[in-house]
Amino acid sequence: GRTLSSYAMGWFRQAPGQEREFVAAIMWGGGI
């Protein structure tokens, strides 16, 4: 849908009855 080089991508997870929590993230362009 868009050029992604300036985006950050994240993974989150959510178990039943729990809040959504951060798992990992990456800068699309730089790989940090």
Full PDB file with SEQRES, HELIX, SHEET, SSBOND, CRYST1, ORIGX, SCALE, CONECT and MASTER records, all heavy atoms in Angstrom:
SEQRES   1 A   32  GLY ARG THR LEU SER SER TYR ALA MET GLY TRP PHE ARG          
SEQRES   2 A   32  GLN ALA PRO GLY GLN GLU ARG GLU PHE VAL ALA ALA ILE          
SEQRES   3 A   32  MET TRP GLY GLY GLY ILE                                      
SHEET    1 AA1 2 ALA A   8  ARG A  13  0                                        
SHEET    2 AA1 2 GLU A  21  MET A  27 -1                                        
CRYST1    1.000    1.000    1.000  90.00  90.00  90.00 P 1           1          
ORIGX1      1.000000  0.000000  0.000000        0.00000                         
ORIGX2      0.000000  1.000000  0.000000        0.00000                         
ORIGX3      0.000000  0.000000  1.000000        0.00000                         
SCALE1      1.000000  0.000000  0.000000        0.00000                         
SCALE2      0.000000  1.000000  0.000000        0.00000                         
SCALE3      0.000000  0.000000  1.000000        0.00000                         
ATOM      1  N   GLY A   1       0.773  -1.229   0.000  1.00  0.00           N  
ATOM      2  CA  GLY A   1       0.000   0.000   0.000  1.00  0.00           C  
ATOM      3  C   GLY A   1       0.809   1.285   0.000  1.00  0.00           C  
ATOM      4  O   GLY A   1       0.320   2.312  -0.467  1.00  0.00           O  
ATOM      5  N   ARG A   2       2.010   1.258   0.527  1.00  0.00           N  
ATOM      6  CA  ARG A   2       2.878   2.429   0.565  1.00  0.00           C  
ATOM      7  C   ARG A   2       4.330   2.009   0.445  1.00  0.00           C  
ATOM      8  O   ARG A   2       4.667   0.850   0.672  1.00  0.00           O  
ATOM      9  CB  ARG A   2       2.711   3.218   1.869  1.00  0.00           C  
ATOM     10  CG  ARG A   2       1.401   3.957   2.026  1.00  0.00           C  
ATOM     11  CD  ARG A   2       1.448   4.819   3.278  1.00  0.00           C  
ATOM     12  NE  ARG A   2       0.188   5.492   3.525  1.00  0.00           N  
ATOM     13  CZ  ARG A   2      -0.138   6.677   3.028  1.00  0.00           C  
ATOM     14  NH1 ARG A   2       0.711   7.332   2.234  1.00  0.00           N  
ATOM     15  NH2 ARG A   2      -1.312   7.216   3.314  1.00  0.00           N  
ATOM     16  N   THR A   3       5.164   2.979   0.124  1.00  0.00           N  
ATOM     17  CA  THR A   3       6.599   2.773   0.257  1.00  0.00           C  
ATOM     18  C   THR A   3       6.925   2.650   1.739  1.00  0.00           C  
ATOM     19  O   THR A   3       6.523   3.484   2.549  1.00  0.00           O  
ATOM     20  CB  THR A   3       7.376   3.931  -0.369  1.00  0.00           C  
ATOM     21  OG1 THR A   3       7.058   4.017  -1.756  1.00  0.00           O  
ATOM     22  CG2 THR A   3       8.866   3.732  -0.213  1.00  0.00           C  
ATOM     23  N   LEU A   4       7.665   1.610   2.093  1.00  0.00           N  
ATOM     24  CA  LEU A   4       7.845   1.242   3.491  1.00  0.00           C  
ATOM     25  C   LEU A   4       9.170   1.667   4.091  1.00  0.00           C  
ATOM     26  O   LEU A   4       9.401   1.419   5.270  1.00  0.00           O  
ATOM     27  CB  LEU A   4       7.678  -0.270   3.645  1.00  0.00           C  
ATOM     28  CG  LEU A   4       6.337  -0.840   3.200  1.00  0.00           C  
ATOM     29  CD1 LEU A   4       6.349  -2.350   3.265  1.00  0.00           C  
ATOM     30  CD2 LEU A   4       5.209  -0.269   4.046  1.00  0.00           C  
ATOM     31  N   SER A   5      10.029   2.300   3.324  1.00  0.00           N  
ATOM     32  CA  SER A   5      11.377   2.583   3.796  1.00  0.00           C  
ATOM     33  C   SER A   5      11.422   3.489   5.013  1.00  0.00           C  
ATOM     34  O   SER A   5      12.392   3.447   5.778  1.00  0.00           O  
ATOM     35  CB  SER A   5      12.222   3.172   2.666  1.00  0.00           C  
ATOM     36  OG  SER A   5      11.676   4.402   2.214  1.00  0.00           O  
ATOM     37  N   SER A   6      10.408   4.306   5.218  1.00  0.00           N  
ATOM     38  CA  SER A   6      10.375   5.231   6.345  1.00  0.00           C  
ATOM     39  C   SER A   6       9.490   4.741   7.488  1.00  0.00           C  
ATOM     40  O   SER A   6       9.174   5.519   8.393  1.00  0.00           O  
ATOM     41  CB  SER A   6       9.892   6.598   5.883  1.00  0.00           C  
ATOM     42  OG  SER A   6      10.778   7.155   4.932  1.00  0.00           O  
ATOM     43  N   TYR A   7       9.110   3.484   7.474  1.00  0.00           N  
ATOM     44  CA  TYR A   7       8.197   2.939   8.475  1.00  0.00           C  
ATOM     45  C   TYR A   7       8.911   2.056   9.482  1.00  0.00           C  
ATOM     46  O   TYR A   7       9.948   1.455   9.199  1.00  0.00           O  
ATOM     47  CB  TYR A   7       7.094   2.129   7.802  1.00  0.00           C  
ATOM     48  CG  TYR A   7       5.943   2.978   7.325  1.00  0.00           C  
ATOM     49  CD1 TYR A   7       6.067   3.775   6.205  1.00  0.00           C  
ATOM     50  CD2 TYR A   7       4.729   2.973   8.011  1.00  0.00           C  
ATOM     51  CE1 TYR A   7       5.017   4.564   5.770  1.00  0.00           C  
ATOM     52  CE2 TYR A   7       3.677   3.754   7.578  1.00  0.00           C  
ATOM     53  CZ  TYR A   7       3.823   4.545   6.459  1.00  0.00           C  
ATOM     54  OH  TYR A   7       2.770   5.321   6.031  1.00  0.00           O  
ATOM     55  N   ALA A   8       8.328   2.004  10.662  1.00  0.00           N  
ATOM     56  CA  ALA A   8       8.684   1.020  11.666  1.00  0.00           C  
ATOM     57  C   ALA A   8       7.609  -0.055  11.706  1.00  0.00           C  
ATOM     58  O   ALA A   8       6.418   0.249  11.624  1.00  0.00           O  
ATOM     59  CB  ALA A   8       8.821   1.668  13.039  1.00  0.00           C  
ATOM     60  N   MET A   9       8.030  -1.292  11.837  1.00  0.00           N  
ATOM     61  CA  MET A   9       7.121  -2.423  11.895  1.00  0.00           C  
ATOM     62  C   MET A   9       7.242  -3.076  13.261  1.00  0.00           C  
ATOM     63  O   MET A   9       8.348  -3.279  13.761  1.00  0.00           O  
ATOM     64  CB  MET A   9       7.446  -3.441  10.811  1.00  0.00           C  
ATOM     65  CG  MET A   9       7.524  -2.856   9.404  1.00  0.00           C  
ATOM     66  SD  MET A   9       5.922  -2.239   8.818  1.00  0.00           S  
ATOM     67  CE  MET A   9       5.001  -3.779   8.723  1.00  0.00           C  
ATOM     68  N   GLY A  10       6.106  -3.414  13.832  1.00  0.00           N  
ATOM     69  CA  GLY A  10       6.103  -4.021  15.150  1.00  0.00           C  
ATOM     70  C   GLY A  10       5.282  -5.291  15.202  1.00  0.00           C  
ATOM     71  O   GLY A  10       4.358  -5.486  14.406  1.00  0.00           O  
ATOM     72  N   TRP A  11       5.659  -6.156  16.120  1.00  0.00           N  
ATOM     73  CA  TRP A  11       4.853  -7.322  16.477  1.00  0.00           C  
ATOM     74  C   TRP A  11       4.333  -7.130  17.896  1.00  0.00           C  
ATOM     75  O   TRP A  11       5.098  -6.786  18.810  1.00  0.00           O  
ATOM     76  CB  TRP A  11       5.656  -8.622  16.407  1.00  0.00           C  
ATOM     77  CG  TRP A  11       5.930  -9.119  15.023  1.00  0.00           C  
ATOM     78  CD1 TRP A  11       7.078  -8.983  14.306  1.00  0.00           C  
ATOM     79  CD2 TRP A  11       5.027  -9.863  14.199  1.00  0.00           C  
ATOM     80  NE1 TRP A  11       6.950  -9.594  13.086  1.00  0.00           N  
ATOM     81  CE2 TRP A  11       5.702 -10.140  12.989  1.00  0.00           C  
ATOM     82  CE3 TRP A  11       3.723 -10.322  14.363  1.00  0.00           C  
ATOM     83  CZ2 TRP A  11       5.112 -10.852  11.948  1.00  0.00           C  
ATOM     84  CZ3 TRP A  11       3.134 -11.024  13.326  1.00  0.00           C  
ATOM     85  CH2 TRP A  11       3.824 -11.282  12.135  1.00  0.00           C  
ATOM     86  N   PHE A  12       3.038  -7.360  18.057  1.00  0.00           N  
ATOM     87  CA  PHE A  12       2.386  -7.329  19.357  1.00  0.00           C  
ATOM     88  C   PHE A  12       1.635  -8.634  19.548  1.00  0.00           C  
ATOM     89  O   PHE A  12       1.367  -9.346  18.587  1.00  0.00           O  
ATOM     90  CB  PHE A  12       1.414  -6.150  19.461  1.00  0.00           C  
ATOM     91  CG  PHE A  12       2.083  -4.808  19.485  1.00  0.00           C  
ATOM     92  CD1 PHE A  12       2.549  -4.225  18.317  1.00  0.00           C  
ATOM     93  CD2 PHE A  12       2.246  -4.133  20.682  1.00  0.00           C  
ATOM     94  CE1 PHE A  12       3.164  -2.982  18.336  1.00  0.00           C  
ATOM     95  CE2 PHE A  12       2.864  -2.889  20.712  1.00  0.00           C  
ATOM     96  CZ  PHE A  12       3.322  -2.316  19.548  1.00  0.00           C  
ATOM     97  N   ARG A  13       1.298  -8.934  20.774  1.00  0.00           N  
ATOM     98  CA  ARG A  13       0.498 -10.127  21.031  1.00  0.00           C  
ATOM     99  C   ARG A  13      -0.534  -9.840  22.105  1.00  0.00           C  
ATOM    100  O   ARG A  13      -0.359  -8.969  22.952  1.00  0.00           O  
ATOM    101  CB  ARG A  13       1.369 -11.319  21.423  1.00  0.00           C  
ATOM    102  CG  ARG A  13       2.034 -11.210  22.790  1.00  0.00           C  
ATOM    103  CD  ARG A  13       2.987 -12.372  22.993  1.00  0.00           C  
ATOM    104  NE  ARG A  13       3.485 -12.441  24.361  1.00  0.00           N  
ATOM    105  CZ  ARG A  13       4.406 -13.300  24.774  1.00  0.00           C  
ATOM    106  NH1 ARG A  13       4.937 -14.181  23.912  1.00  0.00           N  
ATOM    107  NH2 ARG A  13       4.802 -13.290  26.040  1.00  0.00           N  
ATOM    108  N   GLN A  14      -1.613 -10.612  22.059  1.00  0.00           N  
ATOM    109  CA  GLN A  14      -2.694 -10.437  23.009  1.00  0.00           C  
ATOM    110  C   GLN A  14      -3.310 -11.789  23.333  1.00  0.00           C  
ATOM    111  O   GLN A  14      -3.819 -12.474  22.450  1.00  0.00           O  
ATOM    112  CB  GLN A  14      -3.762  -9.490  22.465  1.00  0.00           C  
ATOM    113  CG  GLN A  14      -4.822  -9.110  23.472  1.00  0.00           C  
ATOM    114  CD  GLN A  14      -5.658  -7.939  22.995  1.00  0.00           C  
ATOM    115  OE1 GLN A  14      -5.747  -7.662  21.808  1.00  0.00           O  
ATOM    116  NE2 GLN A  14      -6.277  -7.237  23.930  1.00  0.00           N  
ATOM    117  N   ALA A  15      -3.255 -12.150  24.599  1.00  0.00           N  
ATOM    118  CA  ALA A  15      -3.885 -13.361  25.093  1.00  0.00           C  
ATOM    119  C   ALA A  15      -5.270 -13.022  25.625  1.00  0.00           C  
ATOM    120  O   ALA A  15      -5.544 -11.870  25.983  1.00  0.00           O  
ATOM    121  CB  ALA A  15      -3.029 -13.989  26.187  1.00  0.00           C  
ATOM    122  N   PRO A  16      -6.166 -14.003  25.703  1.00  0.00           N  
ATOM    123  CA  PRO A  16      -7.506 -13.729  26.230  1.00  0.00           C  
ATOM    124  C   PRO A  16      -7.462 -13.094  27.613  1.00  0.00           C  
ATOM    125  O   PRO A  16      -6.753 -13.570  28.504  1.00  0.00           O  
ATOM    126  CB  PRO A  16      -8.149 -15.115  26.273  1.00  0.00           C  
ATOM    127  CG  PRO A  16      -7.436 -15.886  25.209  1.00  0.00           C  
ATOM    128  CD  PRO A  16      -6.016 -15.388  25.257  1.00  0.00           C  
ATOM    129  N   GLY A  17      -8.199 -12.008  27.781  1.00  0.00           N  
ATOM    130  CA  GLY A  17      -8.243 -11.313  29.052  1.00  0.00           C  
ATOM    131  C   GLY A  17      -7.037 -10.458  29.360  1.00  0.00           C  
ATOM    132  O   GLY A  17      -6.968  -9.880  30.453  1.00  0.00           O  
ATOM    133  N   GLN A  18      -6.093 -10.368  28.439  1.00  0.00           N  
ATOM    134  CA  GLN A  18      -4.870  -9.607  28.657  1.00  0.00           C  
ATOM    135  C   GLN A  18      -4.817  -8.393  27.740  1.00  0.00           C  
ATOM    136  O   GLN A  18      -5.492  -8.334  26.716  1.00  0.00           O  
ATOM    137  CB  GLN A  18      -3.638 -10.478  28.410  1.00  0.00           C  
ATOM    138  CG  GLN A  18      -3.592 -11.749  29.226  1.00  0.00           C  
ATOM    139  CD  GLN A  18      -3.433 -11.469  30.700  1.00  0.00           C  
ATOM    140  OE1 GLN A  18      -2.637 -10.611  31.094  1.00  0.00           O  
ATOM    141  NE2 GLN A  18      -4.195 -12.179  31.524  1.00  0.00           N  
ATOM    142  N   GLU A  19      -4.003  -7.427  28.119  1.00  0.00           N  
ATOM    143  CA  GLU A  19      -3.771  -6.279  27.262  1.00  0.00           C  
ATOM    144  C   GLU A  19      -2.806  -6.647  26.149  1.00  0.00           C  
ATOM    145  O   GLU A  19      -1.986  -7.559  26.282  1.00  0.00           O  
ATOM    146  CB  GLU A  19      -3.207  -5.110  28.074  1.00  0.00           C  
ATOM    147  CG  GLU A  19      -4.164  -4.556  29.099  1.00  0.00           C  
ATOM    148  CD  GLU A  19      -3.611  -3.332  29.798  1.00  0.00           C  
ATOM    149  OE1 GLU A  19      -2.416  -3.033  29.629  1.00  0.00           O  
ATOM    150  OE2 GLU A  19      -4.381  -2.671  30.505  1.00  0.00           O  
ATOM    151  N   ARG A  20      -2.914  -5.931  25.049  1.00  0.00           N  
ATOM    152  CA  ARG A  20      -1.984  -6.137  23.954  1.00  0.00           C  
ATOM    153  C   ARG A  20      -0.596  -5.668  24.378  1.00  0.00           C  
ATOM    154  O   ARG A  20      -0.432  -4.561  24.899  1.00  0.00           O  
ATOM    155  CB  ARG A  20      -2.463  -5.376  22.723  1.00  0.00           C  
ATOM    156  CG  ARG A  20      -1.731  -5.723  21.449  1.00  0.00           C  
ATOM    157  CD  ARG A  20      -2.481  -5.187  20.231  1.00  0.00           C  
ATOM    158  NE  ARG A  20      -3.797  -5.798  20.096  1.00  0.00           N  
ATOM    159  CZ  ARG A  20      -4.598  -5.609  19.064  1.00  0.00           C  
ATOM    160  NH1 ARG A  20      -4.222  -4.826  18.061  1.00  0.00           N  
ATOM    161  NH2 ARG A  20      -5.789  -6.198  19.031  1.00  0.00           N  
ATOM    162  N   GLU A  21       0.411  -6.506  24.156  1.00  0.00           N  
ATOM    163  CA  GLU A  21       1.745  -6.185  24.612  1.00  0.00           C  
ATOM    164  C   GLU A  21       2.758  -6.239  23.477  1.00  0.00           C  
ATOM    165  O   GLU A  21       2.621  -6.999  22.521  1.00  0.00           O  
ATOM    166  CB  GLU A  21       2.184  -7.116  25.749  1.00  0.00           C  
ATOM    167  CG  GLU A  21       2.312  -8.573  25.372  1.00  0.00           C  
ATOM    168  CD  GLU A  21       2.761  -9.451  26.532  1.00  0.00           C  
ATOM    169  OE1 GLU A  21       3.147  -8.910  27.579  1.00  0.00           O  
ATOM    170  OE2 GLU A  21       2.722 -10.683  26.384  1.00  0.00           O  
ATOM    171  N   PHE A  22       3.792  -5.447  23.630  1.00  0.00           N  
ATOM    172  CA  PHE A  22       4.857  -5.347  22.652  1.00  0.00           C  
ATOM    173  C   PHE A  22       5.706  -6.601  22.646  1.00  0.00           C  
ATOM    174  O   PHE A  22       6.043  -7.139  23.700  1.00  0.00           O  
ATOM    175  CB  PHE A  22       5.722  -4.128  22.977  1.00  0.00           C  
ATOM    176  CG  PHE A  22       6.949  -3.994  22.133  1.00  0.00           C  
ATOM    177  CD1 PHE A  22       6.881  -3.495  20.848  1.00  0.00           C  
ATOM    178  CD2 PHE A  22       8.189  -4.357  22.633  1.00  0.00           C  
ATOM    179  CE1 PHE A  22       8.012  -3.362  20.071  1.00  0.00           C  
ATOM    180  CE2 PHE A  22       9.332  -4.226  21.872  1.00  0.00           C  
ATOM    181  CZ  PHE A  22       9.241  -3.724  20.581  1.00  0.00           C  
ATOM    182  N   VAL A  23       6.075  -7.049  21.453  1.00  0.00           N  
ATOM    183  CA  VAL A  23       6.957  -8.192  21.291  1.00  0.00           C  
ATOM    184  C   VAL A  23       8.297  -7.763  20.691  1.00  0.00           C  
ATOM    185  O   VAL A  23       9.355  -8.010  21.263  1.00  0.00           O  
ATOM    186  CB  VAL A  23       6.323  -9.287  20.419  1.00  0.00           C  
ATOM    187  CG1 VAL A  23       7.302 -10.440  20.209  1.00  0.00           C  
ATOM    188  CG2 VAL A  23       5.024  -9.783  21.043  1.00  0.00           C  
ATOM    189  N   ALA A  24       8.252  -7.131  19.531  1.00  0.00           N  
ATOM    190  CA  ALA A  24       9.475  -6.729  18.837  1.00  0.00           C  
ATOM    191  C   ALA A  24       9.139  -5.706  17.775  1.00  0.00           C  
ATOM    192  O   ALA A  24       7.986  -5.586  17.354  1.00  0.00           O  
ATOM    193  CB  ALA A  24      10.169  -7.939  18.203  1.00  0.00           C  
ATOM    194  N   ALA A  25      10.143  -4.969  17.313  1.00  0.00           N  
ATOM    195  CA  ALA A  25       9.945  -3.984  16.261  1.00  0.00           C  
ATOM    196  C   ALA A  25      11.215  -3.838  15.453  1.00  0.00           C  
ATOM    197  O   ALA A  25      12.314  -4.171  15.916  1.00  0.00           O  
ATOM    198  CB  ALA A  25       9.526  -2.631  16.845  1.00  0.00           C  
ATOM    199  N   ILE A  26      11.062  -3.325  14.245  1.00  0.00           N  
ATOM    200  CA  ILE A  26      12.190  -3.136  13.349  1.00  0.00           C  
ATOM    201  C   ILE A  26      11.956  -1.906  12.482  1.00  0.00           C  
ATOM    202  O   ILE A  26      10.831  -1.638  12.060  1.00  0.00           O  
ATOM    203  CB  ILE A  26      12.415  -4.399  12.483  1.00  0.00           C  
ATOM    204  CG1 ILE A  26      13.705  -4.293  11.670  1.00  0.00           C  
ATOM    205  CG2 ILE A  26      11.223  -4.665  11.575  1.00  0.00           C  
ATOM    206  CD1 ILE A  26      14.127  -5.616  11.040  1.00  0.00           C  
ATOM    207  N   MET A  27      13.022  -1.161  12.218  1.00  0.00           N  
ATOM    208  CA  MET A  27      12.973  -0.077  11.242  1.00  0.00           C  
ATOM    209  C   MET A  27      13.107  -0.684   9.868  1.00  0.00           C  
ATOM    210  O   MET A  27      14.070  -1.411   9.586  1.00  0.00           O  
ATOM    211  CB  MET A  27      14.083   0.929  11.499  1.00  0.00           C  
ATOM    212  CG  MET A  27      13.994   1.655  12.825  1.00  0.00           C  
ATOM    213  SD  MET A  27      12.471   2.615  12.989  1.00  0.00           S  
ATOM    214  CE  MET A  27      12.635   3.760  11.610  1.00  0.00           C  
ATOM    215  N   TRP A  28      12.153  -0.397   8.996  1.00  0.00           N  
ATOM    216  CA  TRP A  28      12.143  -1.019   7.684  1.00  0.00           C  
ATOM    217  C   TRP A  28      13.401  -0.685   6.889  1.00  0.00           C  
ATOM    218  O   TRP A  28      14.020  -1.561   6.291  1.00  0.00           O  
ATOM    219  CB  TRP A  28      10.896  -0.598   6.911  1.00  0.00           C  
ATOM    220  CG  TRP A  28      10.705  -1.391   5.671  1.00  0.00           C  
ATOM    221  CD1 TRP A  28      11.000  -1.011   4.409  1.00  0.00           C  
ATOM    222  CD2 TRP A  28      10.186  -2.720   5.593  1.00  0.00           C  
ATOM    223  NE1 TRP A  28      10.704  -2.020   3.531  1.00  0.00           N  
ATOM    224  CE2 TRP A  28      10.199  -3.083   4.228  1.00  0.00           C  
ATOM    225  CE3 TRP A  28       9.714  -3.635   6.533  1.00  0.00           C  
ATOM    226  CZ2 TRP A  28       9.762  -4.331   3.786  1.00  0.00           C  
ATOM    227  CZ3 TRP A  28       9.277  -4.871   6.087  1.00  0.00           C  
ATOM    228  CH2 TRP A  28       9.308  -5.202   4.739  1.00  0.00           C  
ATOM    229  N   GLY A  29      13.787   0.579   6.903  1.00  0.00           N  
ATOM    230  CA  GLY A  29      14.926   0.995   6.101  1.00  0.00           C  
ATOM    231  C   GLY A  29      16.271   0.621   6.685  1.00  0.00           C  
ATOM    232  O   GLY A  29      17.144   0.113   5.972  1.00  0.00           O  
ATOM    233  N   GLY A  30      16.465   0.867   7.967  1.00  0.00           N  
ATOM    234  CA  GLY A  30      17.771   0.676   8.565  1.00  0.00           C  
ATOM    235  C   GLY A  30      17.994  -0.660   9.239  1.00  0.00           C  
ATOM    236  O   GLY A  30      19.141  -1.024   9.511  1.00  0.00           O  
ATOM    237  N   GLY A  31      16.916  -1.385   9.543  1.00  0.00           N  
ATOM    238  CA  GLY A  31      17.049  -2.691  10.150  1.00  0.00           C  
ATOM    239  C   GLY A  31      17.321  -2.691  11.641  1.00  0.00           C  
ATOM    240  O   GLY A  31      17.564  -3.759  12.211  1.00  0.00           O  
ATOM    241  N   ILE A  32      17.284  -1.545  12.281  1.00  0.00           N  
ATOM    242  CA  ILE A  32      17.475  -1.481  13.722  1.00  0.00           C  
ATOM    243  C   ILE A  32      16.297  -2.160  14.405  1.00  0.00           C  
ATOM    244  O   ILE A  32      15.142  -1.936  14.042  1.00  0.00           O  
ATOM    245  CB  ILE A  32      17.608  -0.026  14.195  1.00  0.00           C  
ATOM    246  CG1 ILE A  32      18.794   0.647  13.494  1.00  0.00           C  
ATOM    247  CG2 ILE A  32      17.775   0.045  15.703  1.00  0.00           C  
ATOM    248  CD1 ILE A  32      18.837   2.144  13.687  1.00  0.00           C  
TER     249      ILE A  32                                                      
MASTER        0    0    0    0    2    0    0    6  248    1    0    3          
END                                                                             
